[in-house]
Amino acid sequence: MPEHQLLRIKQVQKKTGLNRTQIYAYMKLGLFPASIKIGPASVAWLEEEIEQWINTKLSNR
């Protein structure tokens, strides 16, 4: 079974250079990977989806 790495908001911010507000705004518009609920008040993102998003941005520049 593949191993998936989950990133918390601070890690996503550091990796992408986006702030929290931008991340949630892009998610709402469907322009950023959706978060995964991991607890009652906790979410995370799949690292591979964040990497794909970054790679798409790089290839479109």
N, C-alpha and C. Protein backbone atom coordinates (compact mmCIF):
# COMPACT_ATOMS: atom_id res chain seq x y z
N MET A 1 0.85 -1.18 0.00
CA MET A 1 0.00 0.00 0.00
C MET A 1 0.89 1.24 0.00
N PRO A 2 0.58 2.22 -0.86
CA PRO A 2 1.43 3.42 -0.93
C PRO A 2 1.38 4.23 0.37
N GLU A 3 2.50 4.82 0.70
CA GLU A 3 2.58 5.65 1.89
C GLU A 3 2.33 7.10 1.50
N HIS A 4 1.41 7.75 2.19
CA HIS A 4 1.07 9.13 1.89
C HIS A 4 1.53 10.03 3.02
N GLN A 5 2.14 11.15 2.64
CA GLN A 5 2.59 12.13 3.63
C GLN A 5 1.55 13.24 3.70
N LEU A 6 1.10 13.54 4.92
CA LEU A 6 0.14 14.62 5.12
C LEU A 6 0.86 15.86 5.61
N LEU A 7 0.45 17.00 5.07
CA LEU A 7 1.04 18.28 5.46
C LEU A 7 -0.01 19.12 6.18
N ARG A 8 0.37 19.77 7.25
CA ARG A 8 -0.50 20.69 7.97
C ARG A 8 -0.38 22.07 7.33
N ILE A 9 -1.25 22.99 7.71
CA ILE A 9 -1.34 24.30 7.05
C ILE A 9 -0.01 25.04 7.03
N LYS A 10 0.72 25.02 8.13
CA LYS A 10 2.01 25.75 8.18
C LYS A 10 2.99 25.17 7.18
N GLN A 11 2.99 23.85 7.02
CA GLN A 11 3.87 23.21 6.04
C GLN A 11 3.47 23.56 4.62
N VAL A 12 2.16 23.60 4.37
CA VAL A 12 1.66 23.97 3.04
C VAL A 12 2.03 25.42 2.74
N GLN A 13 1.88 26.30 3.72
CA GLN A 13 2.24 27.71 3.54
C GLN A 13 3.73 27.83 3.19
N LYS A 14 4.56 27.13 3.92
CA LYS A 14 6.00 27.21 3.69
C LYS A 14 6.37 26.67 2.31
N LYS A 15 5.74 25.57 1.92
CA LYS A 15 6.05 24.92 0.64
C LYS A 15 5.58 25.74 -0.56
N THR A 16 4.42 26.42 -0.42
CA THR A 16 3.84 27.13 -1.56
C THR A 16 4.11 28.63 -1.57
N GLY A 17 4.40 29.20 -0.41
CA GLY A 17 4.57 30.64 -0.32
C GLY A 17 3.26 31.38 -0.21
N LEU A 18 2.15 30.65 -0.11
CA LEU A 18 0.83 31.26 0.03
C LEU A 18 0.48 31.43 1.50
N ASN A 19 -0.36 32.42 1.79
CA ASN A 19 -0.82 32.54 3.17
C ASN A 19 -2.12 31.75 3.32
N ARG A 20 -2.56 31.60 4.55
CA ARG A 20 -3.75 30.80 4.88
C ARG A 20 -4.98 31.26 4.09
N THR A 21 -5.20 32.57 4.03
CA THR A 21 -6.37 33.11 3.33
C THR A 21 -6.33 32.76 1.84
N GLN A 22 -5.15 32.89 1.22
CA GLN A 22 -5.01 32.56 -0.20
C GLN A 22 -5.28 31.08 -0.45
N ILE A 23 -4.77 30.22 0.41
CA ILE A 23 -4.98 28.78 0.26
C ILE A 23 -6.47 28.45 0.26
N TYR A 24 -7.19 28.96 1.25
CA TYR A 24 -8.63 28.66 1.33
C TYR A 24 -9.42 29.31 0.20
N ALA A 25 -9.01 30.50 -0.24
CA ALA A 25 -9.69 31.14 -1.37
C ALA A 25 -9.48 30.33 -2.65
N TYR A 26 -8.25 29.88 -2.90
CA TYR A 26 -7.96 29.05 -4.08
C TYR A 26 -8.70 27.72 -4.01
N MET A 27 -8.81 27.14 -2.81
CA MET A 27 -9.55 25.88 -2.65
C MET A 27 -11.02 26.10 -3.03
N LYS A 28 -11.59 27.20 -2.56
CA LYS A 28 -13.00 27.49 -2.83
C LYS A 28 -13.26 27.63 -4.33
N LEU A 29 -12.28 28.17 -5.04
CA LEU A 29 -12.39 28.36 -6.50
C LEU A 29 -12.01 27.10 -7.27
N GLY A 30 -11.56 26.07 -6.57
CA GLY A 30 -11.15 24.84 -7.23
C GLY A 30 -9.76 24.93 -7.85
N LEU A 31 -8.97 25.91 -7.41
CA LEU A 31 -7.64 26.14 -7.97
C LEU A 31 -6.51 25.59 -7.11
N PHE A 32 -6.87 24.90 -6.03
CA PHE A 32 -5.87 24.37 -5.09
C PHE A 32 -6.40 23.05 -4.57
N PRO A 33 -5.51 22.10 -4.28
CA PRO A 33 -5.96 20.80 -3.78
C PRO A 33 -6.82 20.93 -2.51
N ALA A 34 -7.83 20.10 -2.43
CA ALA A 34 -8.72 20.09 -1.27
C ALA A 34 -8.01 19.49 -0.06
N SER A 35 -8.39 19.98 1.10
CA SER A 35 -7.84 19.44 2.34
C SER A 35 -8.59 18.17 2.72
N ILE A 36 -8.00 17.42 3.64
CA ILE A 36 -8.57 16.18 4.15
C ILE A 36 -8.82 16.38 5.64
N LYS A 37 -10.02 16.10 6.08
CA LYS A 37 -10.34 16.22 7.50
C LYS A 37 -9.68 15.05 8.24
N ILE A 38 -8.81 15.37 9.20
CA ILE A 38 -8.11 14.32 9.95
C ILE A 38 -8.52 14.28 11.42
N GLY A 39 -9.39 15.18 11.82
CA GLY A 39 -9.87 15.23 13.20
C GLY A 39 -11.01 16.22 13.29
N PRO A 40 -11.59 16.35 14.47
CA PRO A 40 -12.74 17.25 14.63
C PRO A 40 -12.45 18.69 14.19
N ALA A 41 -11.24 19.16 14.43
CA ALA A 41 -10.89 20.54 14.06
C ALA A 41 -9.54 20.58 13.35
N SER A 42 -9.20 19.49 12.65
CA SER A 42 -7.88 19.41 12.01
C SER A 42 -8.02 18.97 10.55
N VAL A 43 -7.27 19.65 9.70
CA VAL A 43 -7.20 19.25 8.29
C VAL A 43 -5.74 19.16 7.87
N ALA A 44 -5.52 18.44 6.77
CA ALA A 44 -4.18 18.30 6.21
C ALA A 44 -4.33 18.15 4.70
N TRP A 45 -3.22 18.25 4.00
CA TRP A 45 -3.19 18.10 2.56
C TRP A 45 -2.23 16.98 2.20
N LEU A 46 -2.51 16.28 1.12
CA LEU A 46 -1.58 15.27 0.63
C LEU A 46 -0.38 15.97 0.00
N GLU A 47 0.81 15.60 0.45
CA GLU A 47 2.02 16.23 -0.07
C GLU A 47 2.13 16.06 -1.58
N GLU A 48 1.76 14.89 -2.10
CA GLU A 48 1.87 14.65 -3.54
C GLU A 48 0.96 15.59 -4.34
N GLU A 49 -0.21 15.93 -3.80
CA GLU A 49 -1.10 16.87 -4.49
C GLU A 49 -0.54 18.29 -4.46
N ILE A 50 0.10 18.66 -3.36
CA ILE A 50 0.73 19.98 -3.27
C ILE A 50 1.90 20.05 -4.24
N GLU A 51 2.68 18.99 -4.31
CA GLU A 51 3.81 18.93 -5.26
C GLU A 51 3.31 19.05 -6.70
N GLN A 52 2.22 18.36 -7.02
CA GLN A 52 1.64 18.45 -8.37
C GLN A 52 1.20 19.87 -8.68
N TRP A 53 0.57 20.53 -7.71
CA TRP A 53 0.12 21.91 -7.88
C TRP A 53 1.31 22.82 -8.18
N ILE A 54 2.39 22.66 -7.42
CA ILE A 54 3.60 23.45 -7.62
C ILE A 54 4.18 23.18 -9.01
N ASN A 55 4.26 21.91 -9.39
CA ASN A 55 4.81 21.54 -10.70
C ASN A 55 3.98 22.11 -11.85
N THR A 56 2.66 22.14 -11.67
CA THR A 56 1.78 22.74 -12.69
C THR A 56 2.06 24.22 -12.82
N LYS A 57 2.21 24.91 -11.68
CA LYS A 57 2.53 26.33 -11.72
C LYS A 57 3.86 26.58 -12.43
N LEU A 58 4.85 25.74 -12.15
CA LEU A 58 6.16 25.89 -12.80
C LEU A 58 6.08 25.65 -14.29
N SER A 59 5.31 24.67 -14.72
CA SER A 59 5.23 24.36 -16.15
C SER A 59 4.41 25.40 -16.92
N ASN A 60 3.56 26.16 -16.21
CA ASN A 60 2.73 27.18 -16.87
C ASN A 60 3.38 28.56 -16.91
N ARG A 61 4.56 28.71 -16.35
CA ARG A 61 5.14 30.04 -16.32
C ARG A 61 5.82 30.43 -17.60
